[in-house]
Amino acid sequence: MPQLDTSTWTITITAMIISLFILIQLKFYKYLYPLNPMPKTFKSFSFPSPWETKWTKIYFPLLLPQQ
């Protein structure tokens, strides 16, 4: 049974890593980043609730007059 020659594996793996790094760098280079990113302004929505327009009072059972 012939022995597997592994002497070229290091150069193959190194060349693969370098080529992948170059391809990824080229992909990122083509992407256009905004020069001055501005924060988005969010509109605050106000939902009408019934307790905003009415006067409400909390009655505690112990503060009610005795019957």
N, C-alpha and C. Protein backbone atom coordinates (compact mmCIF):
# COMPACT_ATOMS: atom_id res chain seq x y z
N MET A 1 0.85 -1.17 0.00
CA MET A 1 0.00 0.00 0.00
C MET A 1 0.90 1.25 0.00
N PRO A 2 0.69 2.15 -0.97
CA PRO A 2 1.58 3.32 -1.03
C PRO A 2 1.29 4.30 0.09
N GLN A 3 2.36 4.96 0.52
CA GLN A 3 2.25 5.95 1.59
C GLN A 3 1.74 7.28 1.01
N LEU A 4 0.90 7.97 1.77
CA LEU A 4 0.36 9.26 1.34
C LEU A 4 1.42 10.33 1.54
N ASP A 5 1.70 11.07 0.47
CA ASP A 5 2.72 12.11 0.53
C ASP A 5 2.07 13.39 1.07
N THR A 6 2.47 13.82 2.26
CA THR A 6 1.89 15.00 2.89
C THR A 6 2.83 16.20 2.85
N SER A 7 3.86 16.15 2.05
CA SER A 7 4.83 17.24 2.05
C SER A 7 4.26 18.51 1.41
N THR A 8 3.26 18.40 0.55
CA THR A 8 2.72 19.59 -0.11
C THR A 8 1.50 20.15 0.61
N TRP A 9 1.10 19.53 1.70
CA TRP A 9 -0.10 19.99 2.38
C TRP A 9 0.08 21.38 2.99
N THR A 10 1.25 21.67 3.54
CA THR A 10 1.43 22.97 4.20
C THR A 10 1.35 24.11 3.18
N ILE A 11 1.98 23.94 2.02
CA ILE A 11 1.92 25.00 1.02
C ILE A 11 0.52 25.13 0.44
N THR A 12 -0.20 24.02 0.32
CA THR A 12 -1.56 24.06 -0.20
C THR A 12 -2.49 24.78 0.78
N ILE A 13 -2.40 24.45 2.04
CA ILE A 13 -3.26 25.08 3.06
C ILE A 13 -2.91 26.55 3.19
N THR A 14 -1.62 26.89 3.16
CA THR A 14 -1.20 28.29 3.26
C THR A 14 -1.71 29.10 2.06
N ALA A 15 -1.58 28.54 0.87
CA ALA A 15 -2.06 29.24 -0.32
C ALA A 15 -3.57 29.41 -0.28
N MET A 16 -4.29 28.41 0.24
CA MET A 16 -5.73 28.50 0.33
C MET A 16 -6.15 29.60 1.31
N ILE A 17 -5.49 29.69 2.45
CA ILE A 17 -5.82 30.71 3.45
C ILE A 17 -5.53 32.10 2.90
N ILE A 18 -4.40 32.25 2.22
CA ILE A 18 -4.05 33.56 1.65
C ILE A 18 -5.05 33.96 0.57
N SER A 19 -5.42 33.02 -0.29
CA SER A 19 -6.36 33.36 -1.36
C SER A 19 -7.75 33.68 -0.79
N LEU A 20 -8.18 32.97 0.24
CA LEU A 20 -9.47 33.29 0.88
C LEU A 20 -9.42 34.66 1.53
N PHE A 21 -8.31 34.99 2.15
CA PHE A 21 -8.16 36.31 2.77
C PHE A 21 -8.25 37.40 1.72
N ILE A 22 -7.59 37.20 0.58
CA ILE A 22 -7.63 38.20 -0.49
C ILE A 22 -9.03 38.33 -1.06
N LEU A 23 -9.72 37.21 -1.25
CA LEU A 23 -11.09 37.27 -1.78
C LEU A 23 -12.04 38.00 -0.83
N ILE A 24 -11.89 37.75 0.46
CA ILE A 24 -12.75 38.42 1.44
C ILE A 24 -12.44 39.91 1.47
N GLN A 25 -11.16 40.27 1.38
CA GLN A 25 -10.79 41.68 1.36
C GLN A 25 -11.36 42.38 0.13
N LEU A 26 -11.37 41.71 -1.01
CA LEU A 26 -11.93 42.30 -2.21
C LEU A 26 -13.44 42.47 -2.10
N LYS A 27 -14.09 41.51 -1.44
CA LYS A 27 -15.54 41.63 -1.23
C LYS A 27 -15.86 42.85 -0.36
N PHE A 28 -15.09 43.03 0.71
CA PHE A 28 -15.32 44.16 1.59
C PHE A 28 -14.95 45.48 0.92
N TYR A 29 -13.98 45.45 0.03
CA TYR A 29 -13.55 46.67 -0.65
C TYR A 29 -14.64 47.20 -1.58
N LYS A 30 -15.43 46.29 -2.17
CA LYS A 30 -16.48 46.70 -3.08
C LYS A 30 -17.70 47.26 -2.36
N TYR A 31 -17.84 46.97 -1.08
CA TYR A 31 -18.98 47.46 -0.32
C TYR A 31 -18.78 48.93 0.01
N LEU A 32 -19.80 49.76 -0.24
CA LEU A 32 -19.70 51.19 0.01
C LEU A 32 -20.25 51.51 1.40
N TYR A 33 -19.38 51.96 2.27
CA TYR A 33 -19.79 52.36 3.60
C TYR A 33 -20.19 53.84 3.58
N PRO A 34 -21.19 54.24 4.35
CA PRO A 34 -21.52 55.67 4.41
C PRO A 34 -20.40 56.44 5.11
N LEU A 35 -20.12 57.63 4.59
CA LEU A 35 -19.02 58.40 5.15
C LEU A 35 -19.36 58.99 6.52
N ASN A 36 -20.52 59.64 6.62
CA ASN A 36 -20.94 60.23 7.89
C ASN A 36 -22.29 59.65 8.29
N PRO A 37 -22.29 58.58 9.03
CA PRO A 37 -23.58 58.01 9.42
C PRO A 37 -24.32 58.94 10.39
N MET A 38 -25.56 59.19 10.10
CA MET A 38 -26.38 60.04 10.95
C MET A 38 -27.38 59.16 11.70
N PRO A 39 -27.64 59.48 12.97
CA PRO A 39 -28.63 58.69 13.70
C PRO A 39 -30.03 58.94 13.16
N LYS A 40 -30.80 57.89 13.14
CA LYS A 40 -32.18 58.01 12.68
C LYS A 40 -33.03 58.67 13.76
N THR A 41 -33.94 59.49 13.31
CA THR A 41 -34.86 60.11 14.25
C THR A 41 -36.15 59.29 14.26
N PHE A 42 -36.51 58.84 15.43
CA PHE A 42 -37.72 58.04 15.57
C PHE A 42 -38.86 58.93 16.06
N LYS A 43 -40.00 58.76 15.45
CA LYS A 43 -41.18 59.50 15.89
C LYS A 43 -41.81 58.76 17.06
N SER A 44 -42.09 59.51 18.09
CA SER A 44 -42.74 58.87 19.23
C SER A 44 -44.25 58.96 19.04
N PHE A 45 -44.87 57.84 19.10
CA PHE A 45 -46.30 57.76 18.92
C PHE A 45 -46.99 57.81 20.28
N SER A 46 -47.97 58.65 20.38
CA SER A 46 -48.72 58.77 21.62
C SER A 46 -50.10 58.16 21.41
N PHE A 47 -50.36 57.10 22.15
CA PHE A 47 -51.64 56.45 22.05
C PHE A 47 -52.58 57.02 23.12
N PRO A 48 -53.74 57.44 22.73
CA PRO A 48 -54.66 58.01 23.74
C PRO A 48 -55.16 56.92 24.69
N SER A 49 -55.07 57.21 25.94
CA SER A 49 -55.58 56.27 26.93
C SER A 49 -56.67 56.97 27.75
N PRO A 50 -57.62 56.24 28.25
CA PRO A 50 -58.76 56.88 28.93
C PRO A 50 -58.36 57.59 30.22
N TRP A 51 -57.29 57.20 30.87
CA TRP A 51 -56.95 57.83 32.14
C TRP A 51 -56.16 59.13 31.95
N GLU A 52 -55.81 59.46 30.72
CA GLU A 52 -55.10 60.72 30.50
C GLU A 52 -56.07 61.91 30.54
N THR A 53 -57.29 61.71 30.12
CA THR A 53 -58.23 62.83 30.05
C THR A 53 -59.14 62.91 31.27
N LYS A 54 -59.22 61.87 32.06
CA LYS A 54 -60.11 61.87 33.21
C LYS A 54 -59.30 62.02 34.50
N TRP A 55 -59.97 62.60 35.48
CA TRP A 55 -59.36 62.64 36.80
C TRP A 55 -59.72 61.35 37.51
N THR A 56 -58.74 60.66 37.98
CA THR A 56 -59.00 59.39 38.64
C THR A 56 -58.48 59.45 40.06
N LYS A 57 -59.11 58.70 40.90
CA LYS A 57 -58.68 58.62 42.29
C LYS A 57 -58.75 57.16 42.71
N ILE A 58 -57.76 56.76 43.46
CA ILE A 58 -57.72 55.38 43.95
C ILE A 58 -58.34 55.38 45.35
N TYR A 59 -59.31 54.55 45.54
CA TYR A 59 -59.95 54.41 46.84
C TYR A 59 -59.44 53.16 47.52
N PHE A 60 -58.86 53.35 48.68
CA PHE A 60 -58.41 52.21 49.46
C PHE A 60 -59.57 51.72 50.32
N PRO A 61 -59.72 50.42 50.46
CA PRO A 61 -60.85 49.91 51.26
C PRO A 61 -60.80 50.37 52.71
N LEU A 62 -59.61 50.59 53.27
CA LEU A 62 -59.54 50.97 54.67
C LEU A 62 -59.87 52.45 54.87
N LEU A 63 -59.79 53.24 53.80
CA LEU A 63 -60.07 54.67 53.94
C LEU A 63 -61.53 55.00 53.69
N LEU A 64 -62.30 54.04 53.24
CA LEU A 64 -63.72 54.28 53.02
C LEU A 64 -64.43 54.43 54.37
N PRO A 65 -65.49 55.20 54.41
CA PRO A 65 -66.20 55.34 55.68
C PRO A 65 -66.84 54.01 56.11
N GLN A 66 -66.90 53.84 57.39
CA GLN A 66 -67.48 52.61 57.94
C GLN A 66 -68.98 52.61 57.70
N GLN A 67 -69.49 51.45 57.42
CA GLN A 67 -70.93 51.34 57.17
C GLN A 67 -71.67 50.90 58.41
